[in-house]
Amino acid sequence: MQNLARFFKDESGATAIEYGLIAALIAVAIITAVTSLGTNAASTFNAVAGQMASA
């Protein structure tokens, strides 16, 4: 019975889950930022290539 009570009081698993969720949110933010930056960079490079081709 004491082992069961100790199991329910243990919060180390909850802390690990919280850290995992924080890491996942940070990863999603980084992926979103990199994707947006990549799209903007591709547009810029295409515009420059178009200007160089027409010159």
N, C-alpha and C. Protein backbone atom coordinates (compact mmCIF):
# COMPACT_ATOMS: atom_id res chain seq x y z
N MET A 1 0.82 -1.20 0.00
CA MET A 1 0.00 0.00 0.00
C MET A 1 0.87 1.26 0.00
N GLN A 2 1.98 1.20 0.71
CA GLN A 2 2.88 2.37 0.75
C GLN A 2 3.51 2.62 -0.61
N ASN A 3 3.79 1.53 -1.33
CA ASN A 3 4.37 1.70 -2.67
C ASN A 3 3.38 2.39 -3.61
N LEU A 4 2.12 2.05 -3.49
CA LEU A 4 1.09 2.67 -4.32
C LEU A 4 0.96 4.16 -3.99
N ALA A 5 0.96 4.51 -2.71
CA ALA A 5 0.88 5.91 -2.31
C ALA A 5 2.11 6.68 -2.79
N ARG A 6 3.28 6.06 -2.71
CA ARG A 6 4.51 6.72 -3.18
C ARG A 6 4.46 6.92 -4.69
N PHE A 7 3.87 5.95 -5.40
CA PHE A 7 3.76 6.05 -6.86
C PHE A 7 2.89 7.25 -7.26
N PHE A 8 1.78 7.46 -6.55
CA PHE A 8 0.89 8.57 -6.88
C PHE A 8 1.46 9.92 -6.47
N LYS A 9 2.37 9.95 -5.51
CA LYS A 9 2.98 11.20 -5.08
C LYS A 9 4.18 11.57 -5.93
N ASP A 10 4.72 10.60 -6.67
CA ASP A 10 5.92 10.85 -7.47
C ASP A 10 5.57 11.77 -8.64
N GLU A 11 6.27 12.89 -8.76
CA GLU A 11 6.00 13.86 -9.82
C GLU A 11 7.10 13.93 -10.86
N SER A 12 8.06 13.03 -10.82
CA SER A 12 9.16 13.08 -11.78
C SER A 12 8.68 12.81 -13.20
N GLY A 13 7.71 11.92 -13.36
CA GLY A 13 7.16 11.66 -14.70
C GLY A 13 6.44 12.87 -15.25
N ALA A 14 5.71 13.57 -14.41
CA ALA A 14 5.00 14.78 -14.86
C ALA A 14 5.99 15.84 -15.29
N THR A 15 7.09 15.96 -14.57
CA THR A 15 8.10 16.94 -14.94
C THR A 15 8.72 16.59 -16.29
N ALA A 16 8.99 15.31 -16.51
CA ALA A 16 9.56 14.88 -17.79
C ALA A 16 8.59 15.17 -18.93
N ILE A 17 7.32 14.93 -18.69
CA ILE A 17 6.32 15.22 -19.73
C ILE A 17 6.25 16.71 -20.02
N GLU A 18 6.33 17.53 -18.99
CA GLU A 18 6.31 18.98 -19.19
C GLU A 18 7.51 19.43 -20.02
N TYR A 19 8.69 18.90 -19.69
CA TYR A 19 9.88 19.24 -20.48
C TYR A 19 9.74 18.77 -21.92
N GLY A 20 9.14 17.62 -22.11
CA GLY A 20 8.92 17.12 -23.47
C GLY A 20 7.98 18.02 -24.25
N LEU A 21 6.92 18.49 -23.60
CA LEU A 21 5.98 19.39 -24.28
C LEU A 21 6.63 20.73 -24.63
N ILE A 22 7.44 21.23 -23.71
CA ILE A 22 8.15 22.49 -23.98
C ILE A 22 9.10 22.32 -25.16
N ALA A 23 9.83 21.20 -25.19
CA ALA A 23 10.75 20.94 -26.30
C ALA A 23 9.99 20.81 -27.62
N ALA A 24 8.83 20.17 -27.60
CA ALA A 24 8.02 20.03 -28.81
C ALA A 24 7.53 21.38 -29.30
N LEU A 25 7.10 22.24 -28.40
CA LEU A 25 6.64 23.57 -28.81
C LEU A 25 7.78 24.41 -29.38
N ILE A 26 8.95 24.31 -28.78
CA ILE A 26 10.11 25.03 -29.31
C ILE A 26 10.47 24.50 -30.70
N ALA A 27 10.40 23.18 -30.89
CA ALA A 27 10.70 22.60 -32.19
C ALA A 27 9.71 23.08 -33.25
N VAL A 28 8.44 23.14 -32.90
CA VAL A 28 7.43 23.62 -33.85
C VAL A 28 7.69 25.08 -34.22
N ALA A 29 8.06 25.90 -33.24
CA ALA A 29 8.36 27.31 -33.51
C ALA A 29 9.57 27.43 -34.42
N ILE A 30 10.60 26.64 -34.19
CA ILE A 30 11.80 26.69 -35.02
C ILE A 30 11.48 26.24 -36.44
N ILE A 31 10.73 25.16 -36.58
CA ILE A 31 10.37 24.67 -37.92
C ILE A 31 9.56 25.71 -38.67
N THR A 32 8.62 26.36 -37.99
CA THR A 32 7.81 27.40 -38.63
C THR A 32 8.67 28.57 -39.08
N ALA A 33 9.59 29.00 -38.23
CA ALA A 33 10.46 30.12 -38.57
C ALA A 33 11.38 29.78 -39.74
N VAL A 34 11.96 28.60 -39.72
CA VAL A 34 12.88 28.21 -40.79
C VAL A 34 12.14 28.05 -42.11
N THR A 35 10.94 27.49 -42.06
CA THR A 35 10.15 27.34 -43.28
C THR A 35 9.80 28.71 -43.87
N SER A 36 9.39 29.63 -43.02
CA SER A 36 9.06 30.98 -43.49
C SER A 36 10.28 31.67 -44.06
N LEU A 37 11.40 31.55 -43.38
CA LEU A 37 12.64 32.16 -43.86
C LEU A 37 13.06 31.56 -45.19
N GLY A 38 12.92 30.24 -45.31
CA GLY A 38 13.29 29.57 -46.57
C GLY A 38 12.42 30.03 -47.72
N THR A 39 11.14 30.20 -47.47
CA THR A 39 10.22 30.67 -48.52
C THR A 39 10.59 32.08 -48.95
N ASN A 40 10.87 32.94 -47.98
CA ASN A 40 11.26 34.32 -48.31
C ASN A 40 12.59 34.36 -49.06
N ALA A 41 13.54 33.53 -48.66
CA ALA A 41 14.84 33.50 -49.34
C ALA A 41 14.68 33.00 -50.77
N ALA A 42 13.85 31.98 -50.96
CA ALA A 42 13.62 31.46 -52.31
C ALA A 42 12.98 32.52 -53.20
N SER A 43 12.05 33.28 -52.67
CA SER A 43 11.42 34.35 -53.45
C SER A 43 12.44 35.41 -53.84
N THR A 44 13.31 35.76 -52.91
CA THR A 44 14.34 36.76 -53.19
C THR A 44 15.30 36.27 -54.26
N PHE A 45 15.75 35.02 -54.13
CA PHE A 45 16.69 34.47 -55.12
C PHE A 45 16.04 34.38 -56.50
N ASN A 46 14.75 34.01 -56.54
CA ASN A 46 14.05 33.95 -57.82
C ASN A 46 13.92 35.33 -58.45
N ALA A 47 13.67 36.35 -57.63
CA ALA A 47 13.57 37.72 -58.14
C ALA A 47 14.90 38.19 -58.70
N VAL A 48 15.97 37.90 -57.99
CA VAL A 48 17.31 38.28 -58.46
C VAL A 48 17.65 37.55 -59.75
N ALA A 49 17.34 36.25 -59.79
CA ALA A 49 17.62 35.47 -61.01
C ALA A 49 16.83 36.01 -62.19
N GLY A 50 15.59 36.42 -61.95
CA GLY A 50 14.77 36.98 -63.02
C GLY A 50 15.35 38.30 -63.53
N GLN A 51 15.85 39.14 -62.61
CA GLN A 51 16.46 40.41 -63.01
C GLN A 51 17.74 40.17 -63.80
N MET A 52 18.52 39.18 -63.40
CA MET A 52 19.78 38.89 -64.10
C MET A 52 19.50 38.30 -65.47
N ALA A 53 18.43 37.53 -65.62
CA ALA A 53 18.10 36.91 -66.90
C ALA A 53 17.59 37.95 -67.89
N SER A 54 16.90 38.97 -67.40
CA SER A 54 16.33 39.96 -68.30
C SER A 54 17.32 41.08 -68.61
N ALA A 55 18.45 41.10 -67.90
CA ALA A 55 19.42 42.18 -68.13
C ALA A 55 20.32 41.92 -69.28
